[in-house]
Each structure stands twice: as structure tokens, then as C-alpha cells.
mmCIF file of all heavy atoms, coordinates in Angstrom:
data_MODEL
# 
_entry.id   MODEL 
# 
loop_
_atom_site.group_PDB 
_atom_site.id 
_atom_site.type_symbol 
_atom_site.label_atom_id 
_atom_site.label_alt_id 
_atom_site.label_comp_id 
_atom_site.label_asym_id 
_atom_site.label_entity_id 
_atom_site.label_seq_id 
_atom_site.pdbx_PDB_ins_code 
_atom_site.Cartn_x 
_atom_site.Cartn_y 
_atom_site.Cartn_z 
_atom_site.occupancy 
_atom_site.B_iso_or_equiv 
_atom_site.pdbx_formal_charge 
_atom_site.auth_seq_id 
_atom_site.auth_comp_id 
_atom_site.auth_asym_id 
_atom_site.auth_atom_id 
_atom_site.pdbx_PDB_model_num 
ATOM 1   N N   . ALA A 1 1  ? 61.429 141.829 56.399 1.00 0.00 ? 1  ALA A N   1 
ATOM 2   C CA  . ALA A 1 1  ? 60.486 140.720 56.508 1.00 0.00 ? 1  ALA A CA  1 
ATOM 3   C C   . ALA A 1 1  ? 61.178 139.409 56.180 1.00 0.00 ? 1  ALA A C   1 
ATOM 4   O O   . ALA A 1 1  ? 62.046 139.353 55.301 1.00 0.00 ? 1  ALA A O   1 
ATOM 5   C CB  . ALA A 1 1  ? 59.306 140.943 55.565 1.00 0.00 ? 1  ALA A CB  1 
ATOM 6   N N   . LYS A 1 2  ? 60.813 138.347 56.875 1.00 0.00 ? 2  LYS A N   1 
ATOM 7   C CA  . LYS A 1 2  ? 61.428 137.041 56.622 1.00 0.00 ? 2  LYS A CA  1 
ATOM 8   C C   . LYS A 1 2  ? 60.819 136.371 55.393 1.00 0.00 ? 2  LYS A C   1 
ATOM 9   O O   . LYS A 1 2  ? 61.424 135.490 54.787 1.00 0.00 ? 2  LYS A O   1 
ATOM 10  C CB  . LYS A 1 2  ? 61.251 136.146 57.849 1.00 0.00 ? 2  LYS A CB  1 
ATOM 11  C CG  . LYS A 1 2  ? 62.039 136.645 59.060 1.00 0.00 ? 2  LYS A CG  1 
ATOM 12  C CD  . LYS A 1 2  ? 61.862 135.730 60.250 1.00 0.00 ? 2  LYS A CD  1 
ATOM 13  C CE  . LYS A 1 2  ? 62.666 136.237 61.449 1.00 0.00 ? 2  LYS A CE  1 
ATOM 14  N NZ  . LYS A 1 2  ? 62.499 135.371 62.642 1.00 0.00 ? 2  LYS A NZ  1 
ATOM 15  N N   . LYS A 1 3  ? 59.583 136.771 55.071 1.00 0.00 ? 3  LYS A N   1 
ATOM 16  C CA  . LYS A 1 3  ? 58.966 136.256 53.853 1.00 0.00 ? 3  LYS A CA  1 
ATOM 17  C C   . LYS A 1 3  ? 58.204 137.382 53.168 1.00 0.00 ? 3  LYS A C   1 
ATOM 18  O O   . LYS A 1 3  ? 57.862 138.392 53.793 1.00 0.00 ? 3  LYS A O   1 
ATOM 19  C CB  . LYS A 1 3  ? 58.050 135.079 54.149 1.00 0.00 ? 3  LYS A CB  1 
ATOM 20  C CG  . LYS A 1 3  ? 56.904 135.372 55.090 1.00 0.00 ? 3  LYS A CG  1 
ATOM 21  C CD  . LYS A 1 3  ? 56.067 134.115 55.325 1.00 0.00 ? 3  LYS A CD  1 
ATOM 22  C CE  . LYS A 1 3  ? 54.903 134.424 56.265 1.00 0.00 ? 3  LYS A CE  1 
ATOM 23  N NZ  . LYS A 1 3  ? 54.061 133.222 56.503 1.00 0.00 ? 3  LYS A NZ  1 
ATOM 24  N N   . LEU A 1 4  ? 57.930 137.195 51.907 1.00 0.00 ? 4  LEU A N   1 
ATOM 25  C CA  . LEU A 1 4  ? 57.324 138.235 51.069 1.00 0.00 ? 4  LEU A CA  1 
ATOM 26  C C   . LEU A 1 4  ? 55.950 138.641 51.605 1.00 0.00 ? 4  LEU A C   1 
ATOM 27  O O   . LEU A 1 4  ? 55.129 137.793 51.939 1.00 0.00 ? 4  LEU A O   1 
ATOM 28  C CB  . LEU A 1 4  ? 57.189 137.735 49.629 1.00 0.00 ? 4  LEU A CB  1 
ATOM 29  C CG  . LEU A 1 4  ? 56.536 138.710 48.631 1.00 0.00 ? 4  LEU A CG  1 
ATOM 30  C CD1 . LEU A 1 4  ? 57.435 139.932 48.411 1.00 0.00 ? 4  LEU A CD1 1 
ATOM 31  C CD2 . LEU A 1 4  ? 56.263 138.006 47.298 1.00 0.00 ? 4  LEU A CD2 1 
ATOM 32  N N   . ILE A 1 5  ? 55.766 139.936 51.721 1.00 0.00 ? 5  ILE A N   1 
ATOM 33  C CA  . ILE A 1 5  ? 54.445 140.488 52.069 1.00 0.00 ? 5  ILE A CA  1 
ATOM 34  C C   . ILE A 1 5  ? 53.926 141.254 50.859 1.00 0.00 ? 5  ILE A C   1 
ATOM 35  O O   . ILE A 1 5  ? 54.561 142.212 50.406 1.00 0.00 ? 5  ILE A O   1 
ATOM 36  C CB  . ILE A 1 5  ? 54.534 141.429 53.292 1.00 0.00 ? 5  ILE A CB  1 
ATOM 37  C CG1 . ILE A 1 5  ? 55.096 140.684 54.506 1.00 0.00 ? 5  ILE A CG1 1 
ATOM 38  C CG2 . ILE A 1 5  ? 53.156 142.008 53.616 1.00 0.00 ? 5  ILE A CG2 1 
ATOM 39  C CD1 . ILE A 1 5  ? 55.321 141.564 55.724 1.00 0.00 ? 5  ILE A CD1 1 
ATOM 40  N N   . THR A 1 6  ? 52.786 140.826 50.338 1.00 0.00 ? 6  THR A N   1 
ATOM 41  C CA  . THR A 1 6  ? 52.256 141.469 49.136 1.00 0.00 ? 6  THR A CA  1 
ATOM 42  C C   . THR A 1 6  ? 51.354 142.639 49.507 1.00 0.00 ? 6  THR A C   1 
ATOM 43  O O   . THR A 1 6  ? 50.815 142.712 50.633 1.00 0.00 ? 6  THR A O   1 
ATOM 44  C CB  . THR A 1 6  ? 51.431 140.482 48.296 1.00 0.00 ? 6  THR A CB  1 
ATOM 45  O OG1 . THR A 1 6  ? 50.262 140.108 49.034 1.00 0.00 ? 6  THR A OG1 1 
ATOM 46  C CG2 . THR A 1 6  ? 52.246 139.233 47.962 1.00 0.00 ? 6  THR A CG2 1 
ATOM 47  N N   . LYS A 1 7  ? 51.170 143.541 48.563 1.00 0.00 ? 7  LYS A N   1 
ATOM 48  C CA  . LYS A 1 7  ? 50.255 144.670 48.780 1.00 0.00 ? 7  LYS A CA  1 
ATOM 49  C C   . LYS A 1 7  ? 48.819 144.174 48.945 1.00 0.00 ? 7  LYS A C   1 
ATOM 50  O O   . LYS A 1 7  ? 48.009 144.797 49.643 1.00 0.00 ? 7  LYS A O   1 
ATOM 51  C CB  . LYS A 1 7  ? 50.351 145.660 47.626 1.00 0.00 ? 7  LYS A CB  1 
ATOM 52  C CG  . LYS A 1 7  ? 51.655 146.453 47.625 1.00 0.00 ? 7  LYS A CG  1 
ATOM 53  C CD  . LYS A 1 7  ? 51.637 147.565 46.584 1.00 0.00 ? 7  LYS A CD  1 
ATOM 54  C CE  . LYS A 1 7  ? 52.922 148.404 46.657 1.00 0.00 ? 7  LYS A CE  1 
ATOM 55  N NZ  . LYS A 1 7  ? 52.919 149.505 45.679 1.00 0.00 ? 7  LYS A NZ  1 
ATOM 56  N N   . GLU A 1 8  ? 48.494 143.055 48.304 1.00 0.00 ? 8  GLU A N   1 
ATOM 57  C CA  . GLU A 1 8  ? 47.151 142.495 48.438 1.00 0.00 ? 8  GLU A CA  1 
ATOM 58  C C   . GLU A 1 8  ? 46.898 142.059 49.886 1.00 0.00 ? 8  GLU A C   1 
ATOM 59  O O   . GLU A 1 8  ? 45.803 142.267 50.430 1.00 0.00 ? 8  GLU A O   1 
ATOM 60  C CB  . GLU A 1 8  ? 46.968 141.301 47.500 1.00 0.00 ? 8  GLU A CB  1 
ATOM 61  C CG  . GLU A 1 8  ? 46.852 141.640 46.017 1.00 0.00 ? 8  GLU A CG  1 
ATOM 62  C CD  . GLU A 1 8  ? 48.192 142.063 45.413 1.00 0.00 ? 8  GLU A CD  1 
ATOM 63  O OE1 . GLU A 1 8  ? 49.256 141.719 46.004 1.00 0.00 ? 8  GLU A OE1 1 
ATOM 64  O OE2 . GLU A 1 8  ? 48.169 142.732 44.366 1.00 0.00 ? 8  GLU A OE2 1 
ATOM 65  N N   . GLN A 1 9  ? 47.947 141.458 50.523 1.00 0.00 ? 9  GLN A N   1 
ATOM 66  C CA  . GLN A 1 9  ? 47.816 141.062 51.922 1.00 0.00 ? 9  GLN A CA  1 
ATOM 67  C C   . GLN A 1 9  ? 47.637 142.280 52.831 1.00 0.00 ? 9  GLN A C   1 
ATOM 68  O O   . GLN A 1 9  ? 46.836 142.264 53.769 1.00 0.00 ? 9  GLN A O   1 
ATOM 69  C CB  . GLN A 1 9  ? 49.055 140.268 52.357 1.00 0.00 ? 9  GLN A CB  1 
ATOM 70  C CG  . GLN A 1 9  ? 49.149 138.877 51.763 1.00 0.00 ? 9  GLN A CG  1 
ATOM 71  C CD  . GLN A 1 9  ? 50.465 138.207 52.124 1.00 0.00 ? 9  GLN A CD  1 
ATOM 72  O OE1 . GLN A 1 9  ? 51.540 138.758 51.861 1.00 0.00 ? 9  GLN A OE1 1 
ATOM 73  N NE2 . GLN A 1 9  ? 50.383 137.024 52.738 1.00 0.00 ? 9  GLN A NE2 1 
ATOM 74  N N   . ILE A 1 10 ? 48.401 143.328 52.522 1.00 0.00 ? 10 ILE A N   1 
ATOM 75  C CA  . ILE A 1 10 ? 48.306 144.557 53.321 1.00 0.00 ? 10 ILE A CA  1 
ATOM 76  C C   . ILE A 1 10 ? 46.904 145.169 53.185 1.00 0.00 ? 10 ILE A C   1 
ATOM 77  O O   . ILE A 1 10 ? 46.278 145.563 54.177 1.00 0.00 ? 10 ILE A O   1 
ATOM 78  C CB  . ILE A 1 10 ? 49.375 145.571 52.872 1.00 0.00 ? 10 ILE A CB  1 
ATOM 79  C CG1 . ILE A 1 10 ? 50.788 144.978 53.067 1.00 0.00 ? 10 ILE A CG1 1 
ATOM 80  C CG2 . ILE A 1 10 ? 49.229 146.877 53.644 1.00 0.00 ? 10 ILE A CG2 1 
ATOM 81  C CD1 . ILE A 1 10 ? 51.889 145.803 52.436 1.00 0.00 ? 10 ILE A CD1 1 
ATOM 82  N N   . ALA A 1 11 ? 46.416 145.236 51.929 1.00 0.00 ? 11 ALA A N   1 
ATOM 83  C CA  . ALA A 1 11 ? 45.085 145.815 51.683 1.00 0.00 ? 11 ALA A CA  1 
ATOM 84  C C   . ALA A 1 11 ? 44.007 145.024 52.404 1.00 0.00 ? 11 ALA A C   1 
ATOM 85  O O   . ALA A 1 11 ? 43.049 145.591 52.950 1.00 0.00 ? 11 ALA A O   1 
ATOM 86  C CB  . ALA A 1 11 ? 44.810 145.860 50.185 1.00 0.00 ? 11 ALA A CB  1 
ATOM 87  N N   . GLU A 1 12 ? 44.162 143.702 52.431 1.00 0.00 ? 12 GLU A N   1 
ATOM 88  C CA  . GLU A 1 12 ? 43.176 142.857 53.106 1.00 0.00 ? 12 GLU A CA  1 
ATOM 89  C C   . GLU A 1 12 ? 43.143 143.156 54.601 1.00 0.00 ? 12 GLU A C   1 
ATOM 90  O O   . GLU A 1 12 ? 42.063 143.242 55.204 1.00 0.00 ? 12 GLU A O   1 
ATOM 91  C CB  . GLU A 1 12 ? 43.511 141.393 52.863 1.00 0.00 ? 12 GLU A CB  1 
ATOM 92  C CG  . GLU A 1 12 ? 42.487 140.440 53.462 1.00 0.00 ? 12 GLU A CG  1 
ATOM 93  C CD  . GLU A 1 12 ? 42.834 138.981 53.202 1.00 0.00 ? 12 GLU A CD  1 
ATOM 94  O OE1 . GLU A 1 12 ? 43.722 138.712 52.370 1.00 0.00 ? 12 GLU A OE1 1 
ATOM 95  O OE2 . GLU A 1 12 ? 42.207 138.117 53.845 1.00 0.00 ? 12 GLU A OE2 1 
ATOM 96  N N   . LYS A 1 13 ? 44.305 143.347 55.189 1.00 0.00 ? 13 LYS A N   1 
ATOM 97  C CA  . LYS A 1 13 ? 44.374 143.638 56.618 1.00 0.00 ? 13 LYS A CA  1 
ATOM 98  C C   . LYS A 1 13 ? 43.748 144.999 56.936 1.00 0.00 ? 13 LYS A C   1 
ATOM 99  O O   . LYS A 1 13 ? 43.031 145.156 57.923 1.00 0.00 ? 13 LYS A O   1 
ATOM 100 C CB  . LYS A 1 13 ? 45.833 143.616 57.092 1.00 0.00 ? 13 LYS A CB  1 
ATOM 101 C CG  . LYS A 1 13 ? 46.464 142.235 57.105 1.00 0.00 ? 13 LYS A CG  1 
ATOM 102 C CD  . LYS A 1 13 ? 45.799 141.337 58.120 1.00 0.00 ? 13 LYS A CD  1 
ATOM 103 C CE  . LYS A 1 13 ? 46.456 139.961 58.170 1.00 0.00 ? 13 LYS A CE  1 
ATOM 104 N NZ  . LYS A 1 13 ? 45.768 139.054 59.124 1.00 0.00 ? 13 LYS A NZ  1 
ATOM 105 N N   . ILE A 1 14 ? 44.043 145.975 56.098 1.00 0.00 ? 14 ILE A N   1 
ATOM 106 C CA  . ILE A 1 14 ? 43.471 147.311 56.331 1.00 0.00 ? 14 ILE A CA  1 
ATOM 107 C C   . ILE A 1 14 ? 41.960 147.286 56.132 1.00 0.00 ? 14 ILE A C   1 
ATOM 108 O O   . ILE A 1 14 ? 41.201 147.987 56.811 1.00 0.00 ? 14 ILE A O   1 
ATOM 109 C CB  . ILE A 1 14 ? 44.134 148.349 55.407 1.00 0.00 ? 14 ILE A CB  1 
ATOM 110 C CG1 . ILE A 1 14 ? 45.616 148.503 55.774 1.00 0.00 ? 14 ILE A CG1 1 
ATOM 111 C CG2 . ILE A 1 14 ? 43.418 149.702 55.490 1.00 0.00 ? 14 ILE A CG2 1 
ATOM 112 C CD1 . ILE A 1 14 ? 46.396 149.399 54.847 1.00 0.00 ? 14 ILE A CD1 1 
ATOM 113 N N   . GLY A 1 15 ? 41.504 146.455 55.202 1.00 0.00 ? 15 GLY A N   1 
ATOM 114 C CA  . GLY A 1 15 ? 40.071 146.386 54.904 1.00 0.00 ? 15 GLY A CA  1 
ATOM 115 C C   . GLY A 1 15 ? 39.252 145.699 55.968 1.00 0.00 ? 15 GLY A C   1 
ATOM 116 O O   . GLY A 1 15 ? 38.016 145.746 55.938 1.00 0.00 ? 15 GLY A O   1 
ATOM 117 N N   . GLU A 1 16 ? 39.900 145.044 56.914 1.00 0.00 ? 16 GLU A N   1 
ATOM 118 C CA  . GLU A 1 16 ? 39.174 144.378 57.997 1.00 0.00 ? 16 GLU A CA  1 
ATOM 119 C C   . GLU A 1 16 ? 38.787 145.413 59.050 1.00 0.00 ? 16 GLU A C   1 
ATOM 120 O O   . GLU A 1 16 ? 39.470 145.606 60.058 1.00 0.00 ? 16 GLU A O   1 
ATOM 121 C CB  . GLU A 1 16 ? 40.047 143.269 58.603 1.00 0.00 ? 16 GLU A CB  1 
ATOM 122 C CG  . GLU A 1 16 ? 40.313 142.127 57.635 1.00 0.00 ? 16 GLU A CG  1 
ATOM 123 C CD  . GLU A 1 16 ? 41.338 141.139 58.179 1.00 0.00 ? 16 GLU A CD  1 
ATOM 124 O OE1 . GLU A 1 16 ? 41.923 141.419 59.258 1.00 0.00 ? 16 GLU A OE1 1 
ATOM 125 O OE2 . GLU A 1 16 ? 41.574 140.105 57.531 1.00 0.00 ? 16 GLU A OE2 1 
ATOM 126 N N   . LEU A 1 17 ? 37.653 146.110 58.777 1.00 0.00 ? 17 LEU A N   1 
ATOM 127 C CA  . LEU A 1 17 ? 37.245 147.226 59.639 1.00 0.00 ? 17 LEU A CA  1 
ATOM 128 C C   . LEU A 1 17 ? 36.273 146.813 60.731 1.00 0.00 ? 17 LEU A C   1 
ATOM 129 O O   . LEU A 1 17 ? 35.796 147.647 61.508 1.00 0.00 ? 17 LEU A O   1 
ATOM 130 C CB  . LEU A 1 17 ? 36.647 148.344 58.782 1.00 0.00 ? 17 LEU A CB  1 
ATOM 131 C CG  . LEU A 1 17 ? 37.655 149.013 57.830 1.00 0.00 ? 17 LEU A CG  1 
ATOM 132 C CD1 . LEU A 1 17 ? 36.954 149.975 56.887 1.00 0.00 ? 17 LEU A CD1 1 
ATOM 133 C CD2 . LEU A 1 17 ? 38.750 149.717 58.607 1.00 0.00 ? 17 LEU A CD2 1 
ATOM 134 N N   . GLY A 1 18 ? 35.982 145.495 60.767 1.00 0.00 ? 18 GLY A N   1 
ATOM 135 C CA  . GLY A 1 18 ? 35.214 144.968 61.889 1.00 0.00 ? 18 GLY A CA  1 
ATOM 136 C C   . GLY A 1 18 ? 33.835 145.577 62.027 1.00 0.00 ? 18 GLY A C   1 
ATOM 137 O O   . GLY A 1 18 ? 33.191 145.959 61.043 1.00 0.00 ? 18 GLY A O   1 
ATOM 138 N N   . ASP A 1 19 ? 33.387 145.704 63.251 1.00 0.00 ? 19 ASP A N   1 
ATOM 139 C CA  . ASP A 1 19 ? 32.038 146.188 63.541 1.00 0.00 ? 19 ASP A CA  1 
ATOM 140 C C   . ASP A 1 19 ? 32.033 147.715 63.606 1.00 0.00 ? 19 ASP A C   1 
ATOM 141 O O   . ASP A 1 19 ? 31.812 148.328 64.652 1.00 0.00 ? 19 ASP A O   1 
ATOM 142 C CB  . ASP A 1 19 ? 31.555 145.596 64.862 1.00 0.00 ? 19 ASP A CB  1 
ATOM 143 C CG  . ASP A 1 19 ? 30.083 145.888 65.104 1.00 0.00 ? 19 ASP A CG  1 
ATOM 144 O OD1 . ASP A 1 19 ? 29.369 146.156 64.118 1.00 0.00 ? 19 ASP A OD1 1 
ATOM 145 O OD2 . ASP A 1 19 ? 29.665 145.859 66.274 1.00 0.00 ? 19 ASP A OD2 1 
ATOM 146 N N   . THR A 1 20 ? 32.299 148.333 62.459 1.00 0.00 ? 20 THR A N   1 
ATOM 147 C CA  . THR A 1 20 ? 32.281 149.795 62.361 1.00 0.00 ? 20 THR A CA  1 
ATOM 148 C C   . THR A 1 20 ? 31.285 150.199 61.289 1.00 0.00 ? 20 THR A C   1 
ATOM 149 O O   . THR A 1 20 ? 30.672 149.356 60.633 1.00 0.00 ? 20 THR A O   1 
ATOM 150 C CB  . THR A 1 20 ? 33.670 150.346 61.973 1.00 0.00 ? 20 THR A CB  1 
ATOM 151 O OG1 . THR A 1 20 ? 33.929 150.036 60.587 1.00 0.00 ? 20 THR A OG1 1 
ATOM 152 C CG2 . THR A 1 20 ? 34.762 149.724 62.833 1.00 0.00 ? 20 THR A CG2 1 
ATOM 153 N N   . THR A 1 21 ? 31.115 151.474 61.105 1.00 0.00 ? 21 THR A N   1 
ATOM 154 C CA  . THR A 1 21 ? 30.201 151.962 60.065 1.00 0.00 ? 21 THR A CA  1 
ATOM 155 C C   . THR A 1 21 ? 30.934 152.207 58.747 1.00 0.00 ? 21 THR A C   1 
ATOM 156 O O   . THR A 1 21 ? 30.355 152.751 57.815 1.00 0.00 ? 21 THR A O   1 
ATOM 157 C CB  . THR A 1 21 ? 29.533 153.276 60.514 1.00 0.00 ? 21 THR A CB  1 
ATOM 158 O OG1 . THR A 1 21 ? 30.549 154.272 60.699 1.00 0.00 ? 21 THR A OG1 1 
ATOM 159 C CG2 . THR A 1 21 ? 28.769 153.091 61.803 1.00 0.00 ? 21 THR A CG2 1 
ATOM 160 N N   . PHE A 1 22 ? 32.213 151.800 58.684 1.00 0.00 ? 22 PHE A N   1 
ATOM 161 C CA  . PHE A 1 22 ? 33.028 152.095 57.502 1.00 0.00 ? 22 PHE A CA  1 
ATOM 162 C C   . PHE A 1 22 ? 33.365 150.827 56.722 1.00 0.00 ? 22 PHE A C   1 
ATOM 163 O O   . PHE A 1 22 ? 33.445 149.728 57.271 1.00 0.00 ? 22 PHE A O   1 
ATOM 164 C CB  . PHE A 1 22 ? 34.339 152.775 57.920 1.00 0.00 ? 22 PHE A CB  1 
ATOM 165 C CG  . PHE A 1 22 ? 34.158 154.082 58.637 1.00 0.00 ? 22 PHE A CG  1 
ATOM 166 C CD1 . PHE A 1 22 ? 34.832 154.332 59.836 1.00 0.00 ? 22 PHE A CD1 1 
ATOM 167 C CD2 . PHE A 1 22 ? 33.316 155.062 58.136 1.00 0.00 ? 22 PHE A CD2 1 
ATOM 168 C CE1 . PHE A 1 22 ? 34.679 155.529 60.507 1.00 0.00 ? 22 PHE A CE1 1 
ATOM 169 C CE2 . PHE A 1 22 ? 33.151 156.263 58.795 1.00 0.00 ? 22 PHE A CE2 1 
ATOM 170 C CZ  . PHE A 1 22 ? 33.828 156.502 59.985 1.00 0.00 ? 22 PHE A CZ  1 
ATOM 171 N N   . GLU A 1 23 ? 33.569 151.025 55.431 1.00 0.00 ? 23 GLU A N   1 
ATOM 172 C CA  . GLU A 1 23 ? 34.133 149.992 54.572 1.00 0.00 ? 23 GLU A CA  1 
ATOM 173 C C   . GLU A 1 23 ? 35.238 150.636 53.743 1.00 0.00 ? 23 GLU A C   1 
ATOM 174 O O   . GLU A 1 23 ? 35.226 151.842 53.492 1.00 0.00 ? 23 GLU A O   1 
ATOM 175 C CB  . GLU A 1 23 ? 33.071 149.372 53.665 1.00 0.00 ? 23 GLU A CB  1 
ATOM 176 C CG  . GLU A 1 23 ? 32.450 150.332 52.673 1.00 0.00 ? 23 GLU A CG  1 
ATOM 177 C CD  . GLU A 1 23 ? 31.378 149.685 51.810 1.00 0.00 ? 23 GLU A CD  1 
ATOM 178 O OE1 . GLU A 1 23 ? 31.170 148.467 51.959 1.00 0.00 ? 23 GLU A OE1 1 
ATOM 179 O OE2 . GLU A 1 23 ? 30.765 150.398 50.991 1.00 0.00 ? 23 GLU A OE2 1 
ATOM 180 N N   . LEU A 1 24 ? 36.188 149.816 53.341 1.00 0.00 ? 24 LEU A N   1 
ATOM 181 C CA  . LEU A 1 24 ? 37.343 150.338 52.617 1.00 0.00 ? 24 LEU A CA  1 
ATOM 182 C C   . LEU A 1 24 ? 36.984 150.669 51.178 1.00 0.00 ? 24 LEU A C   1 
ATOM 183 O O   . LEU A 1 24 ? 36.389 149.857 50.463 1.00 0.00 ? 24 LEU A O   1 
ATOM 184 C CB  . LEU A 1 24 ? 38.487 149.319 52.642 1.00 0.00 ? 24 LEU A CB  1 
ATOM 185 C CG  . LEU A 1 24 ? 39.827 149.784 52.066 1.00 0.00 ? 24 LEU A CG  1 
ATOM 186 C CD1 . LEU A 1 24 ? 40.373 150.968 52.861 1.00 0.00 ? 24 LEU A CD1 1 
ATOM 187 C CD2 . LEU A 1 24 ? 40.836 148.628 52.063 1.00 0.00 ? 24 LEU A CD2 1 
# 
């Protein structure tokens, strides 16, 4: 990676479940 990627950023991306019946 060219810049630091935090676990919080990763978790936020995975948590974006959109218009589904699931939440993280």
C-alpha cells in the first residue's frame, strides 16, 4: 500500500452491506 490502511477503515468497508437484510 502507498499509504497506511487501518483495520478500522477495512471494517467500515466490510460493514457497508447496502440494501441487504444483513448488518455487520
